[in-house]
Amino acid sequence: MSDLPPQEEIEAPPRPPRQLPPLPFRVRVGVFLVGWVLILVGVAGLVLPGIQGVLTIVTGAALLSLDNELIYRLLRSALARWPAIWAKVERLRHKIHGKLHRFFHRG
């Protein structure tokens, strides 16, 4: 037997989110408004039939997280238990941001 003490598991520090290039002000305002509308529709969808409440809330939060670091961290911690869902939300965020950035930064 070895006389060495057992090594504790060392957790890797969380990776910082990949910095996305900033969107123009008018686009950020639009994303903010659409994100909150989706969240409000999602809350209504929790009690009304026919609207996917949770999905709409997560989509609205994903939109808001494009510009707000606090919402990004809250969304990431809320979905930490479901890494597959978090990966889909991350892909959605990057896809939306890429399309908005390309559309409004044409030269």
PDB file of N, CA and C in Angstrom:
ATOM      1  N   MET A   1       0.837  -1.181   0.000  1.00  0.00           N
ATOM      2  CA  MET A   1       0.000   0.000   0.000  1.00  0.00           C
ATOM      3  C   MET A   1       0.876   1.236   0.000  1.00  0.00           C
ATOM      4  N   SER A   2       0.372   2.260  -0.536  1.00  0.00           N
ATOM      5  CA  SER A   2       1.109   3.506  -0.634  1.00  0.00           C
ATOM      6  C   SER A   2       0.857   4.358   0.608  1.00  0.00           C
ATOM      7  N   ASP A   3       1.895   5.042   1.066  1.00  0.00           N
ATOM      8  CA  ASP A   3       1.763   5.912   2.230  1.00  0.00           C
ATOM      9  C   ASP A   3       1.388   7.339   1.837  1.00  0.00           C
ATOM     10  N   LEU A   4       1.087   7.549   0.568  1.00  0.00           N
ATOM     11  CA  LEU A   4       0.720   8.886   0.113  1.00  0.00           C
ATOM     12  C   LEU A   4      -0.732   9.185   0.480  1.00  0.00           C
ATOM     13  N   PRO A   5      -1.021  10.436   0.889  1.00  0.00           N
ATOM     14  CA  PRO A   5      -2.418  10.782   1.193  1.00  0.00           C
ATOM     15  C   PRO A   5      -3.242  10.812  -0.092  1.00  0.00           C
ATOM     16  N   PRO A   6      -4.509  10.500   0.023  1.00  0.00           N
ATOM     17  CA  PRO A   6      -5.350  10.514  -1.187  1.00  0.00           C
ATOM     18  C   PRO A   6      -5.436  11.931  -1.746  1.00  0.00           C
ATOM     19  N   GLN A   7      -5.399  11.994  -3.047  1.00  0.00           N
ATOM     20  CA  GLN A   7      -5.490  13.292  -3.698  1.00  0.00           C
ATOM     21  C   GLN A   7      -6.958  13.678  -3.837  1.00  0.00           C
ATOM     22  N   GLU A   8      -7.230  14.933  -3.516  1.00  0.00           N
ATOM     23  CA  GLU A   8      -8.591  15.426  -3.667  1.00  0.00           C
ATOM     24  C   GLU A   8      -8.839  15.762  -5.123  1.00  0.00           C
ATOM     25  N   GLU A   9     -10.079  15.611  -5.514  1.00  0.00           N
ATOM     26  CA  GLU A   9     -10.420  15.980  -6.882  1.00  0.00           C
ATOM     27  C   GLU A   9     -10.392  17.498  -7.005  1.00  0.00           C
ATOM     28  N   ILE A  10      -9.730  17.956  -8.023  1.00  0.00           N
ATOM     29  CA  ILE A  10      -9.630  19.389  -8.255  1.00  0.00           C
ATOM     30  C   ILE A  10     -10.577  19.741  -9.385  1.00  0.00           C
ATOM     31  N   GLU A  11     -11.502  20.635  -9.062  1.00  0.00           N
ATOM     32  CA  GLU A  11     -12.453  21.061 -10.084  1.00  0.00           C
ATOM     33  C   GLU A  11     -11.817  22.135 -10.943  1.00  0.00           C
ATOM     34  N   ALA A  12     -12.050  22.024 -12.221  1.00  0.00           N
ATOM     35  CA  ALA A  12     -11.548  23.047 -13.134  1.00  0.00           C
ATOM     36  C   ALA A  12     -12.365  24.314 -12.941  1.00  0.00           C
ATOM     37  N   PRO A  13     -11.720  25.467 -13.001  1.00  0.00           N
ATOM     38  CA  PRO A  13     -12.502  26.701 -12.872  1.00  0.00           C
ATOM     39  C   PRO A  13     -13.438  26.844 -14.059  1.00  0.00           C
ATOM     40  N   PRO A  14     -14.601  27.447 -13.833  1.00  0.00           N
ATOM     41  CA  PRO A  14     -15.543  27.591 -14.951  1.00  0.00           C
ATOM     42  C   PRO A  14     -14.951  28.471 -16.043  1.00  0.00           C
ATOM     43  N   ARG A  15     -15.198  28.057 -17.278  1.00  0.00           N
ATOM     44  CA  ARG A  15     -14.691  28.842 -18.402  1.00  0.00           C
ATOM     45  C   ARG A  15     -15.475  30.133 -18.517  1.00  0.00           C
ATOM     46  N   PRO A  16     -14.784  31.227 -18.776  1.00  0.00           N
ATOM     47  CA  PRO A  16     -15.534  32.467 -19.004  1.00  0.00           C
ATOM     48  C   PRO A  16     -16.275  32.366 -20.329  1.00  0.00           C
ATOM     49  N   PRO A  17     -17.439  33.013 -20.414  1.00  0.00           N
ATOM     50  CA  PRO A  17     -18.188  32.936 -21.674  1.00  0.00           C
ATOM     51  C   PRO A  17     -17.403  33.584 -22.807  1.00  0.00           C
ATOM     52  N   ARG A  18     -17.565  33.021 -23.985  1.00  0.00           N
ATOM     53  CA  ARG A  18     -16.885  33.592 -25.149  1.00  0.00           C
ATOM     54  C   ARG A  18     -17.458  34.973 -25.416  1.00  0.00           C
ATOM     55  N   GLN A  19     -16.585  35.938 -25.498  1.00  0.00           N
ATOM     56  CA  GLN A  19     -17.037  37.298 -25.711  1.00  0.00           C
ATOM     57  C   GLN A  19     -17.561  37.451 -27.134  1.00  0.00           C
ATOM     58  N   LEU A  20     -18.777  37.917 -27.236  1.00  0.00           N
ATOM     59  CA  LEU A  20     -19.377  38.168 -28.531  1.00  0.00           C
ATOM     60  C   LEU A  20     -19.172  39.637 -28.872  1.00  0.00           C
ATOM     61  N   PRO A  21     -18.969  39.957 -30.135  1.00  0.00           N
ATOM     62  CA  PRO A  21     -18.815  41.369 -30.490  1.00  0.00           C
ATOM     63  C   PRO A  21     -20.094  42.134 -30.175  1.00  0.00           C
ATOM     64  N   PRO A  22     -19.960  43.394 -29.761  1.00  0.00           N
ATOM     65  CA  PRO A  22     -21.155  44.146 -29.371  1.00  0.00           C
ATOM     66  C   PRO A  22     -22.068  44.441 -30.560  1.00  0.00           C
ATOM     67  N   LEU A  23     -23.343  44.470 -30.263  1.00  0.00           N
ATOM     68  CA  LEU A  23     -24.349  44.818 -31.268  1.00  0.00           C
ATOM     69  C   LEU A  23     -24.601  46.322 -31.205  1.00  0.00           C
ATOM     70  N   PRO A  24     -25.073  46.913 -32.307  1.00  0.00           N
ATOM     71  CA  PRO A  24     -25.417  48.341 -32.273  1.00  0.00           C
ATOM     72  C   PRO A  24     -26.521  48.617 -31.250  1.00  0.00           C
ATOM     73  N   PHE A  25     -26.592  49.855 -30.806  1.00  0.00           N
ATOM     74  CA  PHE A  25     -27.539  50.240 -29.759  1.00  0.00           C
ATOM     75  C   PHE A  25     -28.985  49.934 -30.149  1.00  0.00           C
ATOM     76  N   ARG A  26     -29.375  50.270 -31.365  1.00  0.00           N
ATOM     77  CA  ARG A  26     -30.774  50.058 -31.766  1.00  0.00           C
ATOM     78  C   ARG A  26     -31.121  48.570 -31.806  1.00  0.00           C
ATOM     79  N   VAL A  27     -30.150  47.736 -32.130  1.00  0.00           N
ATOM     80  CA  VAL A  27     -30.386  46.288 -32.142  1.00  0.00           C
ATOM     81  C   VAL A  27     -30.522  45.783 -30.706  1.00  0.00           C
ATOM     82  N   ARG A  28     -29.683  46.291 -29.799  1.00  0.00           N
ATOM     83  CA  ARG A  28     -29.769  45.883 -28.401  1.00  0.00           C
ATOM     84  C   ARG A  28     -31.117  46.268 -27.802  1.00  0.00           C
ATOM     85  N   VAL A  29     -31.625  47.448 -28.163  1.00  0.00           N
ATOM     86  CA  VAL A  29     -32.948  47.860 -27.677  1.00  0.00           C
ATOM     87  C   VAL A  29     -34.016  46.908 -28.215  1.00  0.00           C
ATOM     88  N   GLY A  30     -33.933  46.557 -29.490  1.00  0.00           N
ATOM     89  CA  GLY A  30     -34.884  45.615 -30.075  1.00  0.00           C
ATOM     90  C   GLY A  30     -34.810  44.247 -29.425  1.00  0.00           C
ATOM     91  N   VAL A  31     -33.606  43.763 -29.178  1.00  0.00           N
ATOM     92  CA  VAL A  31     -33.424  42.465 -28.525  1.00  0.00           C
ATOM     93  C   VAL A  31     -34.003  42.518 -27.114  1.00  0.00           C
ATOM     94  N   PHE A  32     -33.775  43.627 -26.409  1.00  0.00           N
ATOM     95  CA  PHE A  32     -34.309  43.804 -25.064  1.00  0.00           C
ATOM     96  C   PHE A  32     -35.836  43.729 -25.075  1.00  0.00           C
ATOM     97  N   LEU A  33     -36.468  44.463 -25.986  1.00  0.00           N
ATOM     98  CA  LEU A  33     -37.932  44.482 -26.048  1.00  0.00           C
ATOM     99  C   LEU A  33     -38.510  43.123 -26.432  1.00  0.00           C
ATOM    100  N   VAL A  34     -37.938  42.505 -27.457  1.00  0.00           N
ATOM    101  CA  VAL A  34     -38.440  41.197 -27.895  1.00  0.00           C
ATOM    102  C   VAL A  34     -38.219  40.147 -26.803  1.00  0.00           C
ATOM    103  N   GLY A  35     -37.077  40.201 -26.120  1.00  0.00           N
ATOM    104  CA  GLY A  35     -36.803  39.257 -25.042  1.00  0.00           C
ATOM    105  C   GLY A  35     -37.824  39.355 -23.921  1.00  0.00           C
ATOM    106  N   TRP A  36     -38.141  40.589 -23.497  1.00  0.00           N
ATOM    107  CA  TRP A  36     -39.127  40.752 -22.425  1.00  0.00           C
ATOM    108  C   TRP A  36     -40.530  40.375 -22.881  1.00  0.00           C
ATOM    109  N   VAL A  37     -40.863  40.658 -24.130  1.00  0.00           N
ATOM    110  CA  VAL A  37     -42.183  40.242 -24.638  1.00  0.00           C
ATOM    111  C   VAL A  37     -42.280  38.711 -24.609  1.00  0.00           C
ATOM    112  N   LEU A  38     -41.220  38.033 -25.028  1.00  0.00           N
ATOM    113  CA  LEU A  38     -41.239  36.564 -24.993  1.00  0.00           C
ATOM    114  C   LEU A  38     -41.362  36.039 -23.563  1.00  0.00           C
ATOM    115  N   ILE A  39     -40.684  36.677 -22.630  1.00  0.00           N
ATOM    116  CA  ILE A  39     -40.794  36.234 -21.234  1.00  0.00           C
ATOM    117  C   ILE A  39     -42.221  36.438 -20.722  1.00  0.00           C
ATOM    118  N   LEU A  40     -42.823  37.579 -21.030  1.00  0.00           N
ATOM    119  CA  LEU A  40     -44.201  37.822 -20.589  1.00  0.00           C
ATOM    120  C   LEU A  40     -45.184  36.845 -21.236  1.00  0.00           C
ATOM    121  N   VAL A  41     -44.996  36.571 -22.520  1.00  0.00           N
ATOM    122  CA  VAL A  41     -45.851  35.581 -23.198  1.00  0.00           C
ATOM    123  C   VAL A  41     -45.634  34.198 -22.573  1.00  0.00           C
ATOM    124  N   GLY A  42     -44.397  33.891 -22.228  1.00  0.00           N
ATOM    125  CA  GLY A  42     -44.109  32.607 -21.584  1.00  0.00           C
ATOM    126  C   GLY A  42     -44.764  32.475 -20.222  1.00  0.00           C
ATOM    127  N   VAL A  43     -44.755  33.561 -19.439  1.00  0.00           N
ATOM    128  CA  VAL A  43     -45.430  33.524 -18.139  1.00  0.00           C
ATOM    129  C   VAL A  43     -46.924  33.309 -18.342  1.00  0.00           C
ATOM    130  N   ALA A  44     -47.497  33.981 -19.324  1.00  0.00           N
ATOM    131  CA  ALA A  44     -48.915  33.757 -19.631  1.00  0.00           C
ATOM    132  C   ALA A  44     -49.124  32.321 -20.100  1.00  0.00           C
ATOM    133  N   GLY A  45     -48.149  31.785 -20.838  1.00  0.00           N
ATOM    134  CA  GLY A  45     -48.266  30.421 -21.334  1.00  0.00           C
ATOM    135  C   GLY A  45     -48.204  29.362 -20.252  1.00  0.00           C
ATOM    136  N   LEU A  46     -47.709  29.736 -19.076  1.00  0.00           N
ATOM    137  CA  LEU A  46     -47.701  28.771 -17.973  1.00  0.00           C
ATOM    138  C   LEU A  46     -49.108  28.455 -17.487  1.00  0.00           C
ATOM    139  N   VAL A  47     -50.027  29.401 -17.673  1.00  0.00           N
ATOM    140  CA  VAL A  47     -51.394  29.177 -17.204  1.00  0.00           C
ATOM    141  C   VAL A  47     -52.395  29.033 -18.346  1.00  0.00           C
ATOM    142  N   LEU A  48     -52.046  29.494 -19.541  1.00  0.00           N
ATOM    143  CA  LEU A  48     -52.958  29.387 -20.672  1.00  0.00           C
ATOM    144  C   LEU A  48     -52.622  28.163 -21.522  1.00  0.00           C
ATOM    145  N   PRO A  49     -53.632  27.507 -22.060  1.00  0.00           N
ATOM    146  CA  PRO A  49     -53.348  26.360 -22.922  1.00  0.00           C
ATOM    147  C   PRO A  49     -52.866  26.822 -24.299  1.00  0.00           C
ATOM    148  N   GLY A  50     -52.050  26.010 -24.914  1.00  0.00           N
ATOM    149  CA  GLY A  50     -51.635  26.276 -26.285  1.00  0.00           C
ATOM    150  C   GLY A  50     -50.322  27.012 -26.438  1.00  0.00           C
ATOM    151  N   ILE A  51     -49.762  27.534 -25.363  1.00  0.00           N
ATOM    152  CA  ILE A  51     -48.480  28.244 -25.445  1.00  0.00           C
ATOM    153  C   ILE A  51     -47.466  27.484 -24.595  1.00  0.00           C
ATOM    154  N   GLN A  52     -46.315  27.209 -25.178  1.00  0.00           N
ATOM    155  CA  GLN A  52     -45.250  26.541 -24.446  1.00  0.00           C
ATOM    156  C   GLN A  52     -44.567  27.559 -23.529  1.00  0.00           C
ATOM    157  N   GLY A  53     -44.982  27.612 -22.280  1.00  0.00           N
ATOM    158  CA  GLY A  53     -44.519  28.630 -21.361  1.00  0.00           C
ATOM    159  C   GLY A  53     -43.033  28.573 -21.074  1.00  0.00           C
ATOM    160  N   VAL A  54     -42.530  27.426 -20.662  1.00  0.00           N
ATOM    161  CA  VAL A  54     -41.122  27.304 -20.275  1.00  0.00           C
ATOM    162  C   VAL A  54     -40.217  27.544 -21.480  1.00  0.00           C
ATOM    163  N   LEU A  55     -40.556  26.979 -22.609  1.00  0.00           N
ATOM    164  CA  LEU A  55     -39.751  27.164 -23.815  1.00  0.00           C
ATOM    165  C   LEU A  55     -39.695  28.638 -24.219  1.00  0.00           C
ATOM    166  N   THR A  56     -40.820  29.324 -24.125  1.00  0.00           N
ATOM    167  CA  THR A  56     -40.869  30.741 -24.483  1.00  0.00           C
ATOM    168  C   THR A  56     -40.074  31.584 -23.490  1.00  0.00           C
ATOM    169  N   ILE A  57     -40.146  31.248 -22.219  1.00  0.00           N
ATOM    170  CA  ILE A  57     -39.369  31.975 -21.209  1.00  0.00           C
ATOM    171  C   ILE A  57     -37.879  31.781 -21.438  1.00  0.00           C
ATOM    172  N   VAL A  58     -37.447  30.554 -21.707  1.00  0.00           N
ATOM    173  CA  VAL A  58     -36.021  30.284 -21.944  1.00  0.00           C
ATOM    174  C   VAL A  58     -35.547  30.998 -23.211  1.00  0.00           C
ATOM    175  N   THR A  59     -36.377  31.023 -24.246  1.00  0.00           N
ATOM    176  CA  THR A  59     -36.000  31.728 -25.474  1.00  0.00           C
ATOM    177  C   THR A  59     -35.866  33.225 -25.220  1.00  0.00           C
ATOM    178  N   GLY A  60     -36.794  33.803 -24.468  1.00  0.00           N
ATOM    179  CA  GLY A  60     -36.703  35.217 -24.124  1.00  0.00           C
ATOM    180  C   GLY A  60     -35.478  35.520 -23.286  1.00  0.00           C
ATOM    181  N   ALA A  61     -35.168  34.653 -22.328  1.00  0.00           N
ATOM    182  CA  ALA A  61     -33.977  34.848 -21.504  1.00  0.00           C
ATOM    183  C   ALA A  61     -32.707  34.702 -22.340  1.00  0.00           C
ATOM    184  N   ALA A  62     -32.714  33.785 -23.308  1.00  0.00           N
ATOM    185  CA  ALA A  62     -31.550  33.633 -24.184  1.00  0.00           C
ATOM    186  C   ALA A  62     -31.329  34.906 -24.997  1.00  0.00           C
ATOM    187  N   LEU A  63     -32.407  35.509 -25.459  1.00  0.00           N
ATOM    188  CA  LEU A  63     -32.278  36.782 -26.184  1.00  0.00           C
ATOM    189  C   LEU A  63     -31.733  37.875 -25.269  1.00  0.00           C
ATOM    190  N   LEU A  64     -32.289  37.982 -24.072  1.00  0.00           N
ATOM    191  CA  LEU A  64     -31.820  39.010 -23.148  1.00  0.00           C
ATOM    192  C   LEU A  64     -30.357  38.800 -22.765  1.00  0.00           C
ATOM    193  N   SER A  65     -29.933  37.552 -22.726  1.00  0.00           N
ATOM    194  CA  SER A  65     -28.553  37.265 -22.317  1.00  0.00           C
ATOM    195  C   SER A  65     -27.526  37.648 -23.380  1.00  0.00           C
ATOM    196  N   LEU A  66     -27.992  37.982 -24.579  1.00  0.00           N
ATOM    197  CA  LEU A  66     -27.052  38.430 -25.609  1.00  0.00           C
ATOM    198  C   LEU A  66     -26.346  39.712 -25.202  1.00  0.00           C
ATOM    199  N   ASP A  67     -27.021  40.536 -24.413  1.00  0.00           N
ATOM    200  CA  ASP A  67     -26.448  41.824 -24.048  1.00  0.00           C
ATOM    201  C   ASP A  67     -26.272  42.007 -22.552  1.00  0.00           C
ATOM    202  N   ASN A  68     -26.857  41.150 -21.735  1.00  0.00           N
ATOM    203  CA  ASN A  68     -26.834  41.328 -20.300  1.00  0.00           C
ATOM    204  C   ASN A  68     -26.091  40.169 -19.648  1.00  0.00           C
ATOM    205  N   GLU A  69     -24.947  40.447 -19.068  1.00  0.00           N
ATOM    206  CA  GLU A  69     -24.111  39.407 -18.460  1.00  0.00           C
ATOM    207  C   GLU A  69     -24.792  38.769 -17.250  1.00  0.00           C
ATOM    208  N   LEU A  70     -25.548  39.541 -16.476  1.00  0.00           N
ATOM    209  CA  LEU A  70     -26.239  39.000 -15.308  1.00  0.00           C
ATOM    210  C   LEU A  70     -27.269  37.954 -15.729  1.00  0.00           C
ATOM    211  N   ILE A  71     -28.032  38.254 -16.748  1.00  0.00           N
ATOM    212  CA  ILE A  71     -29.032  37.296 -17.222  1.00  0.00           C
ATOM    213  C   ILE A  71     -28.348  36.063 -17.800  1.00  0.00           C
ATOM    214  N   TYR A  72     -27.202  36.274 -18.460  1.00  0.00           N
ATOM    215  CA  TYR A  72     -26.444  35.132 -18.985  1.00  0.00           C
ATOM    216  C   TYR A  72     -26.034  34.200 -17.838  1.00  0.00           C
ATOM    217  N   ARG A  73     -25.490  34.775 -16.765  1.00  0.00           N
ATOM    218  CA  ARG A  73     -25.051  33.945 -15.630  1.00  0.00           C
ATOM    219  C   ARG A  73     -26.233  33.260 -14.952  1.00  0.00           C
ATOM    220  N   LEU A  74     -27.354  33.969 -14.802  1.00  0.00           N
ATOM    221  CA  LEU A  74     -28.539  33.359 -14.199  1.00  0.00           C
ATOM    222  C   LEU A  74     -29.072  32.207 -15.050  1.00  0.00           C
ATOM    223  N   LEU A  75     -29.110  32.409 -16.354  1.00  0.00           N
ATOM    224  CA  LEU A  75     -29.583  31.363 -17.259  1.00  0.00           C
ATOM    225  C   LEU A  75     -28.645  30.162 -17.229  1.00  0.00           C
ATOM    226  N   ARG A  76     -27.338  30.439 -17.227  1.00  0.00           N
ATOM    227  CA  ARG A  76     -26.357  29.350 -17.177  1.00  0.00           C
ATOM    228  C   ARG A  76     -26.489  28.551 -15.884  1.00  0.00           C
ATOM    229  N   SER A  77     -26.667  29.227 -14.754  1.00  0.00           N
ATOM    230  CA  SER A  77     -26.797  28.501 -13.485  1.00  0.00           C
ATOM    231  C   SER A  77     -28.138  27.771 -13.400  1.00  0.00           C
ATOM    232  N   ALA A  78     -29.188  28.355 -13.977  1.00  0.00           N
ATOM    233  CA  ALA A  78     -30.498  27.690 -13.947  1.00  0.00           C
ATOM    234  C   ALA A  78     -30.497  26.414 -14.785  1.00  0.00           C
ATOM    235  N   LEU A  79     -29.745  26.419 -15.866  1.00  0.00           N
ATOM    236  CA  LEU A  79     -29.721  25.241 -16.753  1.00  0.00           C
ATOM    237  C   LEU A  79     -28.499  24.353 -16.524  1.00  0.00           C
ATOM    238  N   ALA A  80     -27.777  24.569 -15.440  1.00  0.00           N
ATOM    239  CA  ALA A  80     -26.575  23.775 -15.167  1.00  0.00           C
ATOM    240  C   ALA A  80     -26.893  22.293 -14.967  1.00  0.00           C
ATOM    241  N   ARG A  81     -28.088  21.997 -14.510  1.00  0.00           N
ATOM    242  CA  ARG A  81     -28.473  20.598 -14.285  1.00  0.00           C
ATOM    243  C   ARG A  81     -28.749  19.852 -15.580  1.00  0.00           C
ATOM    244  N   TRP A  82     -28.969  20.594 -16.658  1.00  0.00           N
ATOM    245  CA  TRP A  82     -29.300  20.002 -17.951  1.00  0.00           C
ATOM    246  C   TRP A  82     -28.298  20.478 -19.000  1.00  0.00           C
ATOM    247  N   PRO A  83     -27.113  19.853 -19.056  1.00  0.00           N
ATOM    248  CA  PRO A  83     -26.076  20.330 -19.980  1.00  0.00           C
ATOM    249  C   PRO A  83     -26.482  20.255 -21.454  1.00  0.00           C
ATOM    250  N   ALA A  84     -27.293  19.297 -21.832  1.00  0.00           N
ATOM    251  CA  ALA A  84     -27.704  19.201 -23.237  1.00  0.00           C
ATOM    252  C   ALA A  84     -28.593  20.394 -23.606  1.00  0.00           C
ATOM    253  N   ILE A  85     -29.481  20.778 -22.691  1.00  0.00           N
ATOM    254  CA  ILE A  85     -30.338  21.938 -22.956  1.00  0.00           C
ATOM    255  C   ILE A  85     -29.499  23.203 -22.978  1.00  0.00           C
ATOM    256  N   TRP A  86     -28.535  23.313 -22.048  1.00  0.00           N
ATOM    257  CA  TRP A  86     -27.665  24.491 -22.025  1.00  0.00           C
ATOM    258  C   TRP A  86     -26.868  24.600 -23.323  1.00  0.00           C
ATOM    259  N   ALA A  87     -26.411  23.480 -23.851  1.00  0.00           N
ATOM    260  CA  ALA A  87     -25.662  23.503 -25.117  1.00  0.00           C
ATOM    261  C   ALA A  87     -26.553  24.011 -26.252  1.00  0.00           C
ATOM    262  N   LYS A  88     -27.825  23.599 -26.261  1.00  0.00           N
ATOM    263  CA  LYS A  88     -28.744  24.079 -27.294  1.00  0.00           C
ATOM    264  C   LYS A  88     -29.009  25.572 -27.139  1.00  0.00           C
ATOM    265  N   VAL A  89     -29.147  26.039 -25.901  1.00  0.00           N
ATOM    266  CA  VAL A  89     -29.371  27.468 -25.667  1.00  0.00           C
ATOM    267  C   VAL A  89     -28.154  28.270 -26.112  1.00  0.00           C
ATOM    268  N   GLU A  90     -26.954  27.764 -25.818  1.00  0.00           N
ATOM    269  CA  GLU A  90     -25.720  28.443 -26.240  1.00  0.00           C
ATOM    270  C   GLU A  90     -25.641  28.527 -27.767  1.00  0.00           C
ATOM    271  N   ARG A  91     -25.972  27.415 -28.437  1.00  0.00           N
ATOM    272  CA  ARG A  91     -25.961  27.431 -29.904  1.00  0.00           C
ATOM    273  C   ARG A  91     -26.976  28.438 -30.440  1.00  0.00           C
ATOM    274  N   LEU A  92     -28.160  28.486 -29.821  1.00  0.00           N
ATOM    275  CA  LEU A  92     -29.184  29.440 -30.234  1.00  0.00           C
ATOM    276  C   LEU A  92     -28.690  30.869 -30.040  1.00  0.00           C
ATOM    277  N   ARG A  93     -28.067  31.153 -28.892  1.00  0.00           N
ATOM    278  CA  ARG A  93     -27.542  32.496 -28.629  1.00  0.00           C
ATOM    279  C   ARG A  93     -26.530  32.907 -29.694  1.00  0.00           C
ATOM    280  N   HIS A  94     -25.582  32.013 -29.976  1.00  0.00           N
ATOM    281  CA  HIS A  94     -24.533  32.343 -30.944  1.00  0.00           C
ATOM    282  C   HIS A  94     -25.106  32.475 -32.355  1.00  0.00           C
ATOM    283  N   LYS A  95     -26.078  31.653 -32.683  1.00  0.00           N
ATOM    284  CA  LYS A  95     -26.696  31.721 -34.005  1.00  0.00           C
ATOM    285  C   LYS A  95     -27.446  33.043 -34.177  1.00  0.00           C
ATOM    286  N   ILE A  96     -28.248  33.420 -33.171  1.00  0.00           N
ATOM    287  CA  ILE A  96     -28.988  34.680 -33.245  1.00  0.00           C
ATOM    288  C   ILE A  96     -28.025  35.864 -33.295  1.00  0.00           C
ATOM    289  N   HIS A  97     -27.016  35.836 -32.436  1.00  0.00           N
ATOM    290  CA  HIS A  97     -26.062  36.945 -32.404  1.00  0.00           C
ATOM    291  C   HIS A  97     -25.329  37.059 -33.736  1.00  0.00           C
ATOM    292  N   GLY A  98     -24.912  35.934 -34.294  1.00  0.00           N
ATOM    293  CA  GLY A  98     -24.216  35.965 -35.577  1.00  0.00           C
ATOM    294  C   GLY A  98     -25.082  36.545 -36.685  1.00  0.00           C
ATOM    295  N   LYS A  99     -26.353  36.123 -36.725  1.00  0.00           N
ATOM    296  CA  LYS A  99     -27.247  36.649 -37.766  1.00  0.00           C
ATOM    297  C   LYS A  99     -27.499  38.142 -37.582  1.00  0.00           C
ATOM    298  N   LEU A 100     -27.741  38.572 -36.357  1.00  0.00           N
ATOM    299  CA  LEU A 100     -27.956  40.004 -36.109  1.00  0.00           C
ATOM    300  C   LEU A 100     -26.709  40.806 -36.439  1.00  0.00           C
ATOM    301  N   HIS A 101     -25.561  40.291 -36.059  1.00  0.00           N
ATOM    302  CA  HIS A 101     -24.307  41.012 -36.303  1.00  0.00           C
ATOM    303  C   HIS A 101     -24.036  41.129 -37.803  1.00  0.00           C
ATOM    304  N   ARG A 102     -24.227  40.034 -38.539  1.00  0.00           N
ATOM    305  CA  ARG A 102     -24.007  40.081 -39.994  1.00  0.00           C
ATOM    306  C   ARG A 102     -25.013  41.003 -40.683  1.00  0.00           C
ATOM    307  N   PHE A 103     -26.263  40.960 -40.258  1.00  0.00           N
ATOM    308  CA  PHE A 103     -27.304  41.754 -40.900  1.00  0.00           C
ATOM    309  C   PHE A 103     -27.073  43.254 -40.693  1.00  0.00           C
ATOM    310  N   PHE A 104     -26.684  43.651 -39.495  1.00  0.00           N
ATOM    311  CA  PHE A 104     -26.546  45.075 -39.199  1.00  0.00           C
ATOM    312  C   PHE A 104     -25.131  45.611 -39.387  1.00  0.00           C
ATOM    313  N   HIS A 105     -24.184  44.765 -39.760  1.00  0.00           N
ATOM    314  CA  HIS A 105     -22.824  45.233 -40.020  1.00  0.00           C
ATOM    315  C   HIS A 105     -22.396  44.966 -41.455  1.00  0.00           C
ATOM    316  N   ARG A 106     -23.342  45.046 -42.348  1.00  0.00           N
ATOM    317  CA  ARG A 106     -22.993  44.898 -43.771  1.00  0.00           C
ATOM    318  C   ARG A 106     -22.257  46.153 -44.216  1.00  0.00           C
ATOM    319  N   GLY A 107     -21.309  45.946 -45.078  1.00  0.00           N
ATOM    320  CA  GLY A 107     -20.527  47.105 -45.496  1.00  0.00           C
ATOM    321  C   GLY A 107     -20.549  47.386 -46.950  1.00  0.00           C
TER     322      GLY A 107
END
